[in-house]
Amino acid sequence: MEHLERCAWFIRTTLVRAAVRRYLPWTLLAFMLCGSLVKEYSPLPPSYLSNKRNVLNVYFVKVAWGWTFILLLPFIALTNYHLTGKAGVVLRRLCTLLVGTVIWYVTTTVFWNIEHYTGSCYKSSALESIQKEFNSKEECRKGGGFWQGFDISGHSFLLTYCVLSIVEEMAVLQDVKMDRNHNMHFALTSLVVALGCLTYIWVWMFLCTSVYFHDLSQKVFGTLFGLVGWHGTYGFWYRKPFSPGLPPQSTNLNLKQDSYKK
């Protein structure tokens, strides 16, 4: 338990800060641009991480929203109920995960359609001899061809959105004070460590995507879609009355309690 608490303390001190939430979007943009420049002008030699079949890519990144959803659901429920004591507030805040699921589904569908309608099937990766008999990426691959279209980086989009969403939700830890003897202390500490590790994995794989995969323009669009999804929700909509709302803060709760007393 002591080692778990030390890990949780490290994650709190490195991720649960206003400065991190303020500068992390710019950091991701810088990672994407610098990694893309490395890929274009000084490519790194092939490595385990440049293989799309590596463990982190297959079992984590490809289902990034699933991992984020599974860990944020109990974390939001536990921390928000601990601060407010209201099941209604918890249910409302859990709607952020439904909104995130819609954003993930709609955006990836848009990406798929863009690649489909801008692409053609070629005989090989050398882009020679268009095979007009294949009209989709699936048909092209089954026929042994190579589909070339504008493939916006889904990894850049999803990892950006997941990282920023986790950091926004973890901000609530600034106000969560839970005694070690509390029956939910172990559960909360475990969730903090799990979410922190997941965030570091997402940032690392975002950097790997920038260095090894996609063209610059594809990664720019992917990252921008992730930033728009995050800012459109946490930066704009969630600040409005008719929304899932932002994570509760003790200052806001105290103001509401004072207004009720008056």
Protein backbone atom coordinates (compact mmCIF):
# COMPACT_ATOMS: atom_id res chain seq x y z
CA MET A 1 0.00 0.00 0.00
CA GLU A 2 2.88 2.34 0.79
CA HIS A 3 4.34 1.97 -2.71
CA LEU A 4 0.90 2.59 -4.23
CA GLU A 5 0.51 5.79 -2.21
CA ARG A 6 3.95 6.98 -3.32
CA CYS A 7 2.98 6.44 -6.95
CA ALA A 8 -0.29 8.30 -6.37
CA TRP A 9 1.61 11.18 -4.73
CA PHE A 10 3.99 11.40 -7.71
CA ILE A 11 1.06 11.46 -10.16
CA ARG A 12 -0.74 14.12 -8.14
CA THR A 13 2.35 16.34 -8.08
CA THR A 14 3.04 15.95 -11.81
CA LEU A 15 -0.42 15.88 -13.40
CA VAL A 16 -2.84 17.53 -10.98
CA ARG A 17 -1.76 21.11 -11.52
CA ALA A 18 -3.35 24.10 -13.20
CA ALA A 19 -0.10 24.73 -15.09
CA VAL A 20 -0.26 21.22 -16.58
CA ARG A 21 -3.82 21.77 -17.83
CA ARG A 22 -2.82 25.16 -19.22
CA TYR A 23 0.30 24.10 -21.13
CA LEU A 24 -0.39 20.46 -21.99
CA PRO A 25 -2.26 21.26 -25.27
CA TRP A 26 0.70 23.33 -26.44
CA THR A 27 3.10 20.57 -25.34
CA LEU A 28 1.22 18.01 -27.43
CA LEU A 29 1.33 20.33 -30.43
CA ALA A 30 5.08 20.79 -29.93
CA PHE A 31 5.59 17.02 -29.66
CA MET A 32 3.64 16.49 -32.87
CA LEU A 33 5.54 19.12 -34.83
CA CYS A 34 8.99 18.15 -33.54
CA GLY A 35 8.32 14.44 -34.04
CA SER A 36 7.11 15.10 -37.57
CA LEU A 37 10.25 17.08 -38.38
CA VAL A 38 12.37 14.19 -37.13
CA LYS A 39 10.39 11.79 -39.32
CA GLU A 40 10.78 14.00 -42.39
CA TYR A 41 14.39 15.14 -42.10
CA SER A 42 16.17 12.69 -39.80
CA PRO A 43 14.20 9.44 -39.64
CA LEU A 44 14.95 7.16 -36.73
CA PRO A 45 15.96 3.56 -37.49
CA PRO A 46 13.20 0.95 -37.26
CA SER A 47 12.48 -0.23 -33.73
CA TYR A 48 9.94 -2.24 -31.79
CA LEU A 49 7.76 0.85 -31.39
CA SER A 50 7.79 1.55 -35.13
CA ASN A 51 6.09 -1.81 -35.66
CA LYS A 52 2.30 -1.39 -35.66
CA ARG A 53 2.00 -4.80 -34.00
CA ASN A 54 3.78 -3.72 -30.80
CA VAL A 55 1.94 -4.50 -27.57
CA LEU A 56 1.18 -0.90 -26.60
CA ASN A 57 -0.35 -0.15 -29.98
CA VAL A 58 -2.40 -3.33 -30.34
CA TYR A 59 -3.73 -3.67 -26.79
CA PHE A 60 -3.82 -0.05 -25.66
CA VAL A 61 -3.79 2.63 -28.35
CA LYS A 62 -6.20 0.92 -30.74
CA VAL A 63 -8.76 0.80 -27.91
CA ALA A 64 -7.62 4.00 -26.20
CA TRP A 65 -11.10 5.37 -25.60
CA GLY A 66 -12.16 2.04 -24.12
CA TRP A 67 -9.36 2.14 -21.53
CA THR A 68 -10.04 5.82 -20.80
CA PHE A 69 -13.78 5.18 -20.42
CA ILE A 70 -13.33 2.15 -18.13
CA LEU A 71 -11.01 3.98 -15.72
CA LEU A 72 -12.71 7.38 -15.75
CA LEU A 73 -16.17 5.95 -15.03
CA PRO A 74 -15.44 4.76 -11.44
CA PHE A 75 -13.05 7.68 -10.85
CA ILE A 76 -15.67 10.32 -11.74
CA ALA A 77 -18.36 8.48 -9.78
CA LEU A 78 -16.20 8.12 -6.66
CA THR A 79 -14.62 11.58 -6.54
CA ASN A 80 -17.73 13.53 -7.53
CA TYR A 81 -19.92 11.71 -5.00
CA HIS A 82 -17.27 12.16 -2.31
CA LEU A 83 -17.31 15.93 -2.88
CA THR A 84 -21.01 16.54 -3.48
CA GLY A 85 -22.84 13.59 -1.92
CA LYS A 86 -25.44 13.89 -4.70
CA ALA A 87 -26.22 10.98 -7.02
CA GLY A 88 -27.80 13.39 -9.51
CA VAL A 89 -24.57 15.33 -9.87
CA VAL A 90 -22.65 12.10 -10.38
CA LEU A 91 -25.01 10.88 -13.11
CA ARG A 92 -24.84 14.26 -14.82
CA ARG A 93 -21.06 14.26 -14.76
CA LEU A 94 -20.87 10.70 -16.06
CA CYS A 95 -22.57 12.01 -19.19
CA THR A 96 -19.15 13.41 -20.12
CA LEU A 97 -18.19 9.84 -21.02
CA LEU A 98 -21.22 9.51 -23.29
CA VAL A 99 -20.28 12.80 -24.95
CA GLY A 100 -16.71 11.55 -25.37
CA THR A 101 -17.99 8.34 -26.94
CA VAL A 102 -20.05 10.33 -29.45
CA ILE A 103 -17.04 12.53 -30.26
CA TRP A 104 -14.87 9.43 -30.78
CA TYR A 105 -17.42 7.68 -32.99
CA VAL A 106 -18.37 10.68 -35.13
CA THR A 107 -14.78 11.86 -35.63
CA THR A 108 -13.38 8.45 -36.57
CA THR A 109 -16.31 7.97 -38.97
CA VAL A 110 -15.48 11.30 -40.60
CA PHE A 111 -11.84 10.25 -40.90
CA TRP A 112 -12.84 6.96 -42.52
CA ASN A 113 -15.05 8.71 -45.06
CA ILE A 114 -12.36 11.26 -45.92
CA GLU A 115 -9.86 8.48 -46.61
CA HIS A 116 -12.47 6.57 -48.61
CA TYR A 117 -13.58 9.44 -50.86
CA THR A 118 -10.07 10.82 -51.43
CA GLY A 119 -8.48 7.44 -52.06
CA SER A 120 -7.81 5.06 -54.91
CA CYS A 121 -6.59 1.48 -55.11
CA TYR A 122 -3.10 0.97 -56.53
CA LYS A 123 -1.29 -2.18 -57.49
CA SER A 124 1.50 -1.50 -54.97
CA SER A 125 2.80 1.08 -52.50
CA ALA A 126 4.75 2.60 -55.41
CA LEU A 127 1.35 4.03 -56.50
CA GLU A 128 1.54 2.54 -59.96
CA SER A 129 -1.43 1.40 -62.01
CA ILE A 130 -4.77 2.30 -60.43
CA GLN A 131 -7.05 -0.71 -60.03
CA LYS A 132 -10.46 0.80 -60.72
CA GLU A 133 -12.32 -2.46 -60.06
CA PHE A 134 -11.82 -1.93 -56.30
CA ASN A 135 -13.94 0.87 -54.84
CA SER A 136 -13.12 0.63 -51.14
CA LYS A 137 -10.13 0.13 -48.87
CA GLU A 138 -11.41 -3.28 -47.74
CA GLU A 139 -11.90 -4.54 -51.30
CA CYS A 140 -8.52 -3.15 -52.31
CA ARG A 141 -6.67 -4.94 -49.51
CA LYS A 142 -8.48 -8.21 -50.13
CA GLY A 143 -7.45 -7.96 -53.77
CA GLY A 144 -3.82 -7.50 -52.79
CA GLY A 145 -3.75 -3.79 -53.66
CA PHE A 146 -2.63 -0.68 -51.79
CA TRP A 147 -5.19 1.99 -50.87
CA GLN A 148 -3.94 5.56 -50.92
CA GLY A 149 -6.11 8.36 -49.56
CA PHE A 150 -5.86 11.25 -47.11
CA ASP A 151 -5.52 9.22 -43.91
CA ILE A 152 -5.96 11.65 -40.99
CA SER A 153 -4.16 10.29 -37.94
CA GLY A 154 -6.76 8.71 -35.70
CA HIS A 155 -4.07 8.06 -33.09
CA SER A 156 -3.14 11.75 -32.92
CA PHE A 157 -6.80 12.70 -32.50
CA LEU A 158 -7.74 10.07 -29.94
CA LEU A 159 -4.61 10.27 -27.79
CA THR A 160 -4.86 14.06 -27.66
CA TYR A 161 -8.51 13.93 -26.60
CA CYS A 162 -7.95 11.13 -24.06
CA VAL A 163 -4.94 12.79 -22.40
CA LEU A 164 -6.64 16.16 -22.05
CA SER A 165 -9.89 14.62 -20.79
CA ILE A 166 -8.09 12.59 -18.11
CA VAL A 167 -6.11 15.59 -16.90
CA GLU A 168 -9.28 17.70 -16.74
CA GLU A 169 -11.08 15.08 -14.67
CA MET A 170 -8.10 14.49 -12.37
CA ALA A 171 -8.13 18.18 -11.42
CA VAL A 172 -10.79 17.26 -8.87
CA LEU A 173 -8.05 15.64 -6.76
CA GLN A 174 -7.00 19.11 -5.62
CA ASP A 175 -10.12 19.13 -3.45
CA VAL A 176 -10.47 15.45 -2.56
CA LYS A 177 -9.18 14.77 0.96
CA MET A 178 -9.66 11.15 2.03
CA ASP A 179 -8.32 9.62 5.25
CA ARG A 180 -6.26 6.44 4.92
CA ASN A 181 -8.84 4.62 7.02
CA HIS A 182 -11.66 5.56 4.65
CA ASN A 183 -13.18 2.46 3.08
CA MET A 184 -12.70 3.92 -0.43
CA HIS A 185 -9.12 5.10 0.06
CA PHE A 186 -7.54 2.05 -1.59
CA ALA A 187 -9.94 2.19 -4.57
CA LEU A 188 -9.28 5.89 -5.17
CA THR A 189 -5.51 5.53 -4.82
CA SER A 190 -5.52 2.62 -7.29
CA LEU A 191 -7.58 4.61 -9.80
CA VAL A 192 -5.24 7.60 -9.51
CA VAL A 193 -2.22 5.40 -10.22
CA ALA A 194 -3.97 3.62 -13.11
CA LEU A 195 -5.12 6.87 -14.73
CA GLY A 196 -1.69 8.43 -14.25
CA CYS A 197 0.07 5.47 -15.87
CA LEU A 198 -2.45 5.51 -18.70
CA THR A 199 -1.83 9.22 -19.28
CA TYR A 200 1.93 8.68 -19.53
CA ILE A 201 1.37 5.79 -21.95
CA TRP A 202 -0.89 7.97 -24.12
CA VAL A 203 1.66 10.81 -24.21
CA TRP A 204 4.50 8.40 -25.04
CA MET A 205 2.53 6.73 -27.83
CA PHE A 206 1.47 10.14 -29.15
CA LEU A 207 5.15 11.01 -29.47
CA CYS A 208 5.86 7.65 -31.14
CA THR A 209 3.06 8.31 -33.63
CA SER A 210 4.60 11.69 -34.42
CA VAL A 211 8.05 10.20 -34.98
CA TYR A 212 7.16 7.04 -36.89
CA PHE A 213 3.79 7.32 -38.64
CA HIS A 214 1.70 9.49 -41.00
CA ASP A 215 2.53 12.67 -42.89
CA LEU A 216 2.75 16.03 -41.15
CA SER A 217 -0.60 17.28 -42.50
CA GLN A 218 -2.37 14.09 -41.39
CA LYS A 219 -1.03 14.47 -37.86
CA VAL A 220 -1.83 18.19 -37.77
CA PHE A 221 -5.46 17.54 -38.65
CA GLY A 222 -5.69 14.64 -36.20
CA THR A 223 -4.24 16.64 -33.32
CA LEU A 224 -6.40 19.67 -34.11
CA PHE A 225 -9.55 17.51 -34.09
CA GLY A 226 -8.54 16.27 -30.63
CA LEU A 227 -7.93 19.81 -29.39
CA VAL A 228 -11.24 21.04 -30.80
CA GLY A 229 -13.09 18.14 -29.16
CA TRP A 230 -11.48 18.91 -25.80
CA HIS A 231 -11.86 22.70 -25.95
CA GLY A 232 -15.39 22.52 -27.32
CA THR A 233 -16.45 20.47 -24.29
CA TYR A 234 -14.29 21.34 -21.26
CA GLY A 235 -13.40 24.81 -22.49
CA PHE A 236 -16.85 25.89 -23.65
CA TRP A 237 -19.95 23.65 -23.42
CA TYR A 238 -19.31 22.15 -19.96
CA ARG A 239 -19.17 25.68 -18.56
CA LYS A 240 -22.80 26.23 -19.57
CA PRO A 241 -25.83 25.35 -17.38
CA PHE A 242 -27.29 22.73 -19.72
CA SER A 243 -24.28 20.42 -19.90
CA PRO A 244 -22.61 17.61 -17.95
CA GLY A 245 -20.62 20.32 -16.19
CA LEU A 246 -17.01 20.56 -15.09
CA PRO A 247 -15.49 18.53 -12.22
CA PRO A 248 -16.70 19.97 -8.88
CA GLN A 249 -14.40 22.22 -6.92
CA SER A 250 -14.59 22.99 -3.21
CA THR A 251 -14.70 26.75 -3.84
CA ASN A 252 -17.78 26.41 -6.03
CA LEU A 253 -19.42 24.07 -3.54
CA ASN A 254 -18.77 26.49 -0.67
CA LEU A 255 -20.27 29.36 -2.64
CA LYS A 256 -23.41 27.35 -3.32
CA GLN A 257 -23.72 26.35 0.33
CA ASP A 258 -23.34 29.99 1.43
CA SER A 259 -26.02 31.11 -1.02
CA TYR A 260 -28.39 28.47 0.36
CA LYS A 261 -27.78 29.70 3.91
CA LYS A 262 -28.58 33.27 2.89
